N, C-alpha and C. Protein backbone atom coordinates (compact mmCIF):
# COMPACT_ATOMS: atom_id res chain seq x y z
N UNK A 1 -46.59 -154.57 1.03
CA UNK A 1 -47.13 -154.87 -0.27
C UNK A 1 -45.99 -155.41 -1.15
N UNK A 2 -46.14 -156.63 -1.59
CA UNK A 2 -45.13 -157.26 -2.44
C UNK A 2 -45.36 -156.90 -3.89
N UNK A 3 -44.31 -156.43 -4.54
CA UNK A 3 -44.40 -156.09 -5.96
C UNK A 3 -43.57 -157.07 -6.77
N UNK A 4 -44.03 -157.29 -8.00
CA UNK A 4 -43.33 -158.20 -8.92
C UNK A 4 -43.19 -157.51 -10.27
N UNK A 5 -42.27 -158.00 -11.06
CA UNK A 5 -42.08 -157.46 -12.40
C UNK A 5 -43.15 -158.04 -13.32
N UNK A 6 -43.80 -157.15 -14.04
CA UNK A 6 -44.79 -157.54 -15.04
C UNK A 6 -44.41 -156.91 -16.37
N UNK A 7 -44.75 -157.59 -17.43
CA UNK A 7 -44.56 -157.06 -18.77
C UNK A 7 -45.94 -156.78 -19.35
N UNK A 8 -46.11 -155.57 -19.85
CA UNK A 8 -47.35 -155.18 -20.52
C UNK A 8 -47.03 -155.05 -22.00
N UNK A 9 -47.80 -155.72 -22.83
CA UNK A 9 -47.62 -155.63 -24.28
C UNK A 9 -48.97 -155.39 -24.92
N UNK A 10 -48.95 -154.67 -26.05
CA UNK A 10 -50.21 -154.40 -26.71
C UNK A 10 -50.02 -154.31 -28.22
N UNK A 11 -51.12 -154.56 -28.91
CA UNK A 11 -51.21 -154.41 -30.36
C UNK A 11 -52.48 -153.60 -30.59
N UNK A 12 -52.32 -152.34 -30.95
CA UNK A 12 -53.45 -151.41 -31.04
C UNK A 12 -53.54 -150.85 -32.45
N UNK A 13 -54.72 -150.88 -33.01
CA UNK A 13 -54.92 -150.46 -34.40
C UNK A 13 -54.86 -148.95 -34.58
N UNK A 14 -55.39 -148.19 -33.67
CA UNK A 14 -55.53 -146.74 -33.81
C UNK A 14 -54.35 -146.00 -33.17
N UNK A 15 -53.77 -145.05 -33.90
CA UNK A 15 -52.69 -144.23 -33.35
C UNK A 15 -53.15 -143.44 -32.14
N UNK A 16 -54.36 -142.93 -32.19
CA UNK A 16 -54.92 -142.15 -31.09
C UNK A 16 -55.03 -143.00 -29.82
N UNK A 17 -55.55 -144.22 -29.98
CA UNK A 17 -55.68 -145.13 -28.84
C UNK A 17 -54.31 -145.53 -28.31
N UNK A 18 -53.38 -145.79 -29.21
CA UNK A 18 -52.01 -146.17 -28.82
C UNK A 18 -51.38 -145.05 -27.97
N UNK A 19 -51.56 -143.81 -28.36
CA UNK A 19 -51.02 -142.68 -27.58
C UNK A 19 -51.69 -142.60 -26.20
N UNK A 20 -52.99 -142.85 -26.13
CA UNK A 20 -53.70 -142.81 -24.85
C UNK A 20 -53.21 -143.91 -23.92
N UNK A 21 -52.98 -145.10 -24.46
CA UNK A 21 -52.46 -146.22 -23.66
C UNK A 21 -51.05 -145.90 -23.18
N UNK A 22 -50.22 -145.36 -24.04
CA UNK A 22 -48.85 -145.01 -23.65
C UNK A 22 -48.86 -143.95 -22.55
N UNK A 23 -49.76 -143.01 -22.61
CA UNK A 23 -49.87 -141.98 -21.57
C UNK A 23 -50.18 -142.61 -20.21
N UNK A 24 -51.10 -143.57 -20.19
CA UNK A 24 -51.41 -144.27 -18.93
C UNK A 24 -50.19 -145.06 -18.46
N UNK A 25 -49.55 -145.78 -19.36
CA UNK A 25 -48.41 -146.62 -18.98
C UNK A 25 -47.23 -145.81 -18.45
N UNK A 26 -47.01 -144.63 -18.97
CA UNK A 26 -45.87 -143.83 -18.52
C UNK A 26 -45.95 -143.51 -17.03
N UNK A 27 -47.13 -143.51 -16.46
CA UNK A 27 -47.30 -143.27 -15.03
C UNK A 27 -46.96 -144.50 -14.19
N UNK A 28 -46.95 -145.67 -14.80
CA UNK A 28 -46.78 -146.93 -14.08
C UNK A 28 -45.46 -147.63 -14.37
N UNK A 29 -44.87 -147.41 -15.51
CA UNK A 29 -43.78 -148.27 -15.96
C UNK A 29 -42.42 -147.89 -15.39
N UNK A 30 -41.54 -148.89 -15.37
CA UNK A 30 -40.14 -148.68 -15.06
C UNK A 30 -39.39 -148.32 -16.33
N UNK A 31 -39.72 -149.03 -17.40
CA UNK A 31 -39.03 -148.86 -18.67
C UNK A 31 -39.93 -149.44 -19.76
N UNK A 32 -39.61 -149.12 -20.98
CA UNK A 32 -40.40 -149.66 -22.07
C UNK A 32 -39.84 -149.30 -23.42
N UNK A 33 -40.38 -149.95 -24.41
CA UNK A 33 -39.95 -149.72 -25.78
C UNK A 33 -41.11 -150.08 -26.69
N UNK A 34 -41.53 -149.13 -27.52
CA UNK A 34 -42.63 -149.31 -28.46
C UNK A 34 -43.86 -149.86 -27.75
N UNK A 35 -44.22 -151.11 -27.97
CA UNK A 35 -45.46 -151.63 -27.39
C UNK A 35 -45.24 -152.67 -26.30
N UNK A 36 -44.06 -152.67 -25.68
CA UNK A 36 -43.76 -153.59 -24.58
C UNK A 36 -43.17 -152.77 -23.43
N UNK A 37 -43.72 -152.93 -22.24
CA UNK A 37 -43.32 -152.11 -21.10
C UNK A 37 -43.12 -152.97 -19.86
N UNK A 38 -42.16 -152.59 -19.05
CA UNK A 38 -41.83 -153.28 -17.81
C UNK A 38 -42.40 -152.47 -16.65
N UNK A 39 -43.13 -153.13 -15.76
CA UNK A 39 -43.72 -152.45 -14.60
C UNK A 39 -43.42 -153.26 -13.34
N UNK A 40 -43.31 -152.58 -12.23
CA UNK A 40 -43.16 -153.22 -10.92
C UNK A 40 -44.47 -152.99 -10.18
N UNK A 41 -45.26 -154.07 -10.02
CA UNK A 41 -46.64 -153.92 -9.55
C UNK A 41 -47.00 -154.93 -8.47
N UNK A 42 -47.87 -154.51 -7.58
CA UNK A 42 -48.53 -155.46 -6.68
C UNK A 42 -49.73 -156.03 -7.44
N UNK A 43 -50.37 -157.03 -6.87
CA UNK A 43 -51.55 -157.59 -7.52
C UNK A 43 -52.65 -156.54 -7.68
N UNK A 44 -52.85 -155.72 -6.64
CA UNK A 44 -53.89 -154.68 -6.71
C UNK A 44 -53.54 -153.62 -7.75
N UNK A 45 -52.27 -153.23 -7.81
CA UNK A 45 -51.85 -152.24 -8.81
C UNK A 45 -52.00 -152.79 -10.22
N UNK A 46 -51.68 -154.07 -10.40
CA UNK A 46 -51.83 -154.69 -11.72
C UNK A 46 -53.30 -154.69 -12.15
N UNK A 47 -54.18 -155.00 -11.22
CA UNK A 47 -55.62 -154.99 -11.53
C UNK A 47 -56.07 -153.58 -11.92
N UNK A 48 -55.62 -152.57 -11.17
CA UNK A 48 -55.98 -151.19 -11.47
C UNK A 48 -55.43 -150.74 -12.83
N UNK A 49 -54.17 -151.07 -13.10
CA UNK A 49 -53.57 -150.71 -14.38
C UNK A 49 -54.31 -151.39 -15.53
N UNK A 50 -54.64 -152.66 -15.37
CA UNK A 50 -55.34 -153.39 -16.43
C UNK A 50 -56.72 -152.77 -16.69
N UNK A 51 -57.38 -152.31 -15.64
CA UNK A 51 -58.67 -151.62 -15.81
C UNK A 51 -58.48 -150.31 -16.57
N UNK A 52 -57.47 -149.52 -16.16
CA UNK A 52 -57.21 -148.25 -16.83
C UNK A 52 -56.89 -148.45 -18.31
N UNK A 53 -56.07 -149.43 -18.61
CA UNK A 53 -55.72 -149.69 -20.01
C UNK A 53 -56.92 -150.24 -20.78
N UNK A 54 -57.69 -151.10 -20.13
CA UNK A 54 -58.88 -151.68 -20.77
C UNK A 54 -59.91 -150.64 -21.15
N UNK A 55 -59.96 -149.54 -20.40
CA UNK A 55 -60.89 -148.47 -20.71
C UNK A 55 -60.49 -147.72 -21.99
N UNK A 56 -59.23 -147.81 -22.36
CA UNK A 56 -58.72 -147.09 -23.53
C UNK A 56 -58.85 -147.87 -24.84
N UNK A 57 -58.83 -149.18 -24.75
CA UNK A 57 -58.75 -149.98 -25.98
C UNK A 57 -60.13 -150.42 -26.49
N UNK A 58 -60.13 -150.79 -27.76
CA UNK A 58 -61.32 -151.37 -28.39
C UNK A 58 -61.11 -152.88 -28.44
N UNK A 59 -61.85 -153.66 -27.68
CA UNK A 59 -61.62 -155.11 -27.62
C UNK A 59 -61.85 -155.82 -28.96
N UNK A 60 -62.54 -155.17 -29.90
CA UNK A 60 -62.76 -155.79 -31.21
C UNK A 60 -61.54 -155.69 -32.11
N UNK A 61 -60.69 -154.68 -31.90
CA UNK A 61 -59.54 -154.48 -32.80
C UNK A 61 -58.19 -154.51 -32.10
N UNK A 62 -58.17 -154.35 -30.78
CA UNK A 62 -56.91 -154.21 -30.05
C UNK A 62 -56.67 -155.41 -29.13
N UNK A 63 -55.41 -155.60 -28.78
CA UNK A 63 -55.03 -156.69 -27.87
C UNK A 63 -54.15 -156.12 -26.77
N UNK A 64 -54.32 -156.65 -25.56
CA UNK A 64 -53.58 -156.20 -24.39
C UNK A 64 -53.17 -157.42 -23.59
N UNK A 65 -51.90 -157.46 -23.16
CA UNK A 65 -51.38 -158.59 -22.40
C UNK A 65 -50.62 -158.07 -21.19
N UNK A 66 -50.88 -158.65 -20.02
CA UNK A 66 -50.09 -158.43 -18.83
C UNK A 66 -49.56 -159.80 -18.43
N UNK A 67 -48.23 -159.92 -18.37
CA UNK A 67 -47.61 -161.20 -18.00
C UNK A 67 -46.63 -160.97 -16.86
N UNK A 68 -46.71 -161.80 -15.84
CA UNK A 68 -45.77 -161.72 -14.72
C UNK A 68 -44.49 -162.44 -15.09
N UNK A 69 -43.34 -161.85 -14.76
CA UNK A 69 -42.06 -162.53 -14.96
C UNK A 69 -41.75 -163.32 -13.71
N UNK A 70 -41.46 -164.60 -13.86
CA UNK A 70 -41.17 -165.41 -12.67
C UNK A 70 -39.86 -164.97 -12.02
N UNK A 71 -39.84 -164.85 -10.69
CA UNK A 71 -38.60 -164.48 -10.02
C UNK A 71 -37.56 -165.59 -10.15
N UNK A 72 -36.31 -165.19 -10.07
CA UNK A 72 -35.17 -166.13 -10.11
C UNK A 72 -35.10 -166.91 -11.41
N UNK A 73 -35.64 -166.36 -12.46
CA UNK A 73 -35.61 -167.04 -13.76
C UNK A 73 -34.63 -166.30 -14.66
N UNK A 74 -33.78 -167.01 -15.35
CA UNK A 74 -32.81 -166.40 -16.23
C UNK A 74 -33.48 -165.74 -17.43
N UNK A 75 -32.79 -164.78 -18.03
CA UNK A 75 -33.32 -164.09 -19.19
C UNK A 75 -32.39 -164.32 -20.36
N UNK A 76 -32.95 -164.49 -21.54
CA UNK A 76 -32.17 -164.66 -22.75
C UNK A 76 -32.52 -163.54 -23.71
N UNK A 77 -31.52 -162.98 -24.36
CA UNK A 77 -31.76 -161.89 -25.31
C UNK A 77 -30.86 -162.07 -26.52
N UNK A 78 -31.28 -161.55 -27.64
CA UNK A 78 -30.50 -161.55 -28.87
C UNK A 78 -30.38 -160.12 -29.35
N UNK A 79 -29.29 -159.80 -30.00
CA UNK A 79 -29.12 -158.47 -30.55
C UNK A 79 -28.26 -157.59 -29.66
N UNK A 80 -28.11 -156.36 -30.07
CA UNK A 80 -27.35 -155.40 -29.28
C UNK A 80 -28.22 -154.92 -28.15
N UNK A 81 -27.71 -154.98 -26.96
CA UNK A 81 -28.52 -154.59 -25.82
C UNK A 81 -27.80 -153.63 -24.92
N UNK A 82 -28.58 -152.84 -24.23
CA UNK A 82 -28.05 -151.96 -23.20
C UNK A 82 -29.10 -151.88 -22.11
N UNK A 83 -28.66 -151.63 -20.91
CA UNK A 83 -29.61 -151.54 -19.82
C UNK A 83 -29.75 -150.08 -19.39
N UNK A 84 -30.97 -149.63 -19.28
CA UNK A 84 -31.25 -148.33 -18.68
C UNK A 84 -32.42 -148.48 -17.73
N UNK A 85 -32.66 -149.71 -17.36
CA UNK A 85 -33.74 -150.05 -16.44
C UNK A 85 -33.25 -149.90 -15.00
N UNK A 86 -34.17 -149.87 -14.07
CA UNK A 86 -33.80 -149.86 -12.66
C UNK A 86 -33.28 -151.24 -12.24
N UNK A 87 -33.50 -152.21 -13.08
CA UNK A 87 -32.99 -153.56 -12.82
C UNK A 87 -31.90 -153.84 -13.83
N UNK A 88 -30.63 -153.84 -13.42
CA UNK A 88 -29.53 -153.98 -14.38
C UNK A 88 -29.54 -155.31 -15.13
N UNK A 89 -30.27 -156.30 -14.66
CA UNK A 89 -30.31 -157.57 -15.38
C UNK A 89 -31.24 -157.54 -16.59
N UNK A 90 -32.03 -156.46 -16.73
CA UNK A 90 -32.93 -156.34 -17.88
C UNK A 90 -32.27 -155.51 -18.97
N UNK A 91 -32.40 -155.96 -20.18
CA UNK A 91 -31.77 -155.30 -21.32
C UNK A 91 -32.79 -154.72 -22.28
N UNK A 92 -32.43 -153.65 -22.90
CA UNK A 92 -33.21 -153.12 -24.02
C UNK A 92 -32.48 -153.61 -25.27
N UNK A 93 -33.14 -154.41 -26.08
CA UNK A 93 -32.52 -154.99 -27.26
C UNK A 93 -32.95 -154.21 -28.48
N UNK A 94 -31.98 -153.81 -29.29
CA UNK A 94 -32.26 -153.02 -30.51
C UNK A 94 -32.18 -153.91 -31.71
């Protein structure tokens, strides 16, 4: 099963819903900060995670994005950064 890096981002209106989404994501993610999280997923795992997250949100008020990071692509960051990810090339920018 081939896994790829995906970024999950969300904009959720309700604090209660935001906590529920974060609880689901903590089981799947490698690292994250506020409303953006890094996951290592197969296509099937991504579909399952998207279903689990979709069950938590209100599509009328909330937004959810899953984006695949292309392999072998350089990353650009601004600000003070440190890595605590399983992938040392990824930075947490403050």
